Amino acid sequence: YRIRPRFLRDVSKIDTSVEILGERISMPLGVAPSAAQCLSHPDGELANVR
């Protein structure tokens, strides 16, 4: 796939809502790794790397 930038597009009616587990959320939702994983596992971030 190629990334094709689109210039001068009408963005007045953009809908960023998503549906997760049957619920509509008005904003996009992202999941990413976080710090302080040692609170839930003794090896912390190293456990994810392994």
Protein backbone atom coordinates (compact mmCIF):
# COMPACT_ATOMS: atom_id res chain seq x y z
CA TYR A 1 0.00 0.00 0.00
CA ARG A 2 1.16 3.49 -0.71
CA ILE A 3 0.50 6.45 1.50
CA ARG A 4 -1.19 9.05 -0.63
CA PRO A 5 -1.50 12.44 1.06
CA ARG A 6 -4.77 14.18 0.29
CA PHE A 7 -4.68 17.94 0.20
CA LEU A 8 -7.52 20.45 0.32
CA ARG A 9 -10.20 17.93 1.34
CA ASP A 10 -13.45 18.89 3.03
CA VAL A 11 -13.03 17.94 6.70
CA SER A 12 -16.16 19.62 8.04
CA LYS A 13 -18.05 16.30 8.36
CA ILE A 14 -15.36 13.95 9.71
CA ASP A 15 -16.64 11.24 12.06
CA THR A 16 -13.98 9.90 14.44
CA SER A 17 -16.35 7.78 16.51
CA VAL A 18 -15.81 4.04 16.86
CA GLU A 19 -17.88 1.11 18.07
CA ILE A 20 -16.26 -1.13 20.69
CA LEU A 21 -18.08 -4.11 22.20
CA GLY A 22 -21.38 -2.76 20.93
CA GLU A 23 -20.91 0.69 22.47
CA ARG A 24 -20.48 3.81 20.36
CA ILE A 25 -17.63 6.07 21.52
CA SER A 26 -17.40 9.60 20.10
CA MET A 27 -13.60 9.65 19.99
CA PRO A 28 -11.02 7.23 18.62
CA LEU A 29 -9.47 4.88 21.13
CA GLY A 30 -5.87 3.70 21.06
CA VAL A 31 -4.09 1.12 23.14
CA ALA A 32 -0.37 1.41 23.74
CA PRO A 33 2.25 0.06 26.12
CA SER A 34 2.74 1.94 29.34
CA ALA A 35 5.45 2.32 31.94
CA ALA A 36 5.57 1.03 35.53
CA GLN A 37 4.72 -2.53 34.53
CA CYS A 38 6.76 -3.70 37.49
CA LEU A 39 3.66 -2.98 39.57
CA SER A 40 1.93 -6.00 38.00
CA HIS A 41 4.93 -8.27 37.23
CA PRO A 42 8.27 -8.65 39.01
CA ASP A 43 10.26 -8.34 35.76
CA GLY A 44 8.33 -5.28 34.60
CA GLU A 45 9.04 -4.17 31.03
CA LEU A 46 11.60 -6.96 30.56
CA ALA A 47 8.81 -9.56 30.74
CA ASN A 48 7.22 -8.00 27.63
CA VAL A 49 10.48 -8.02 25.74
CA ARG A 50 11.03 -11.70 26.42
